[in-house]
């Protein structure tokens, strides 16, 4: 048993490939295979299912033990950072889970301040859905994740950042373009593009409060596809201002019965986080100290 073998197992699981793991670890594929086979022989278990067509995937015992392996690796990283901190040579890597609008609008603001203070810290970014980010936090793949409270598991510690308003999006030539405020009842007969992804629950809550059903023409998962469809005049939609304000050739309108989604940073335990991760959370608190709404006045 060795830390190096744990690193190899974690990398193979992360990338789903012996070959890709070997490339990132600067090892030969045979060395990666040999290390995992040696650990499996030592423990008397099979950690990975191997299939030429489907690739590799953790077995049941693999899924149970990988959590503890990552915990050991995270502890070793913490030790390395503490030693570096004592020598005034801050080093280390922070693994951050994020979703599209957080990547575009929130993450750069934090990184701008953080890297001026800690230029030697490296980052790895993992973009996914609310559910994926929550799972990555739970299994130790990432140290910190952008989450929407309610979608994250309650055991995580949260650092609130902003309140993201839900707004209506429509093409520039739409009849709503001159309205300062849009009543949700005005959407009753509008062709509606319903998101099926991360923020559908917020959209459905708005219509539930208004006791009405939208005239859904399309149900679409990808946020960028939804924006493109609205831009082409295929319908209107409701979504988070944080994301929609980054889209060109779209007009946004505020709702009379709007709701918000809160965006926060989450980590399994702030007290057990690495020095670099603790500093990142502290900078995020500082940058978003006001807890403002996302976006400017529409």
Foldseek 3Di string as FASTA:
>chain_A
DDLVLLQLLLQCQVVLALCVSCVVVVHDSVVSVVSQVVVCVVVVHHQWDDDPVRGIHGDPVNLVCNLVSLVVVQVVQQVVQVVCVVVVNGAGEFEEEEEDLCVVFPVVLLCVVLCVVRVRYHYHYHYDAQQVRQVCQNSNVGFKYKHFPVSHDPLWDKDWFAWWKKWKKAFCVDPCNPPQEDEPVVQAPWAEEQEPGRCNVQVVVVCVVVVGDGNYPHYYHDPVVVLVCRNVVVTMYIDTPSPNVVDPRMDIHHYPDMDITIIIMIHNDLVPHHPSVVVSSVSSCVSRVVNYYPDDRD
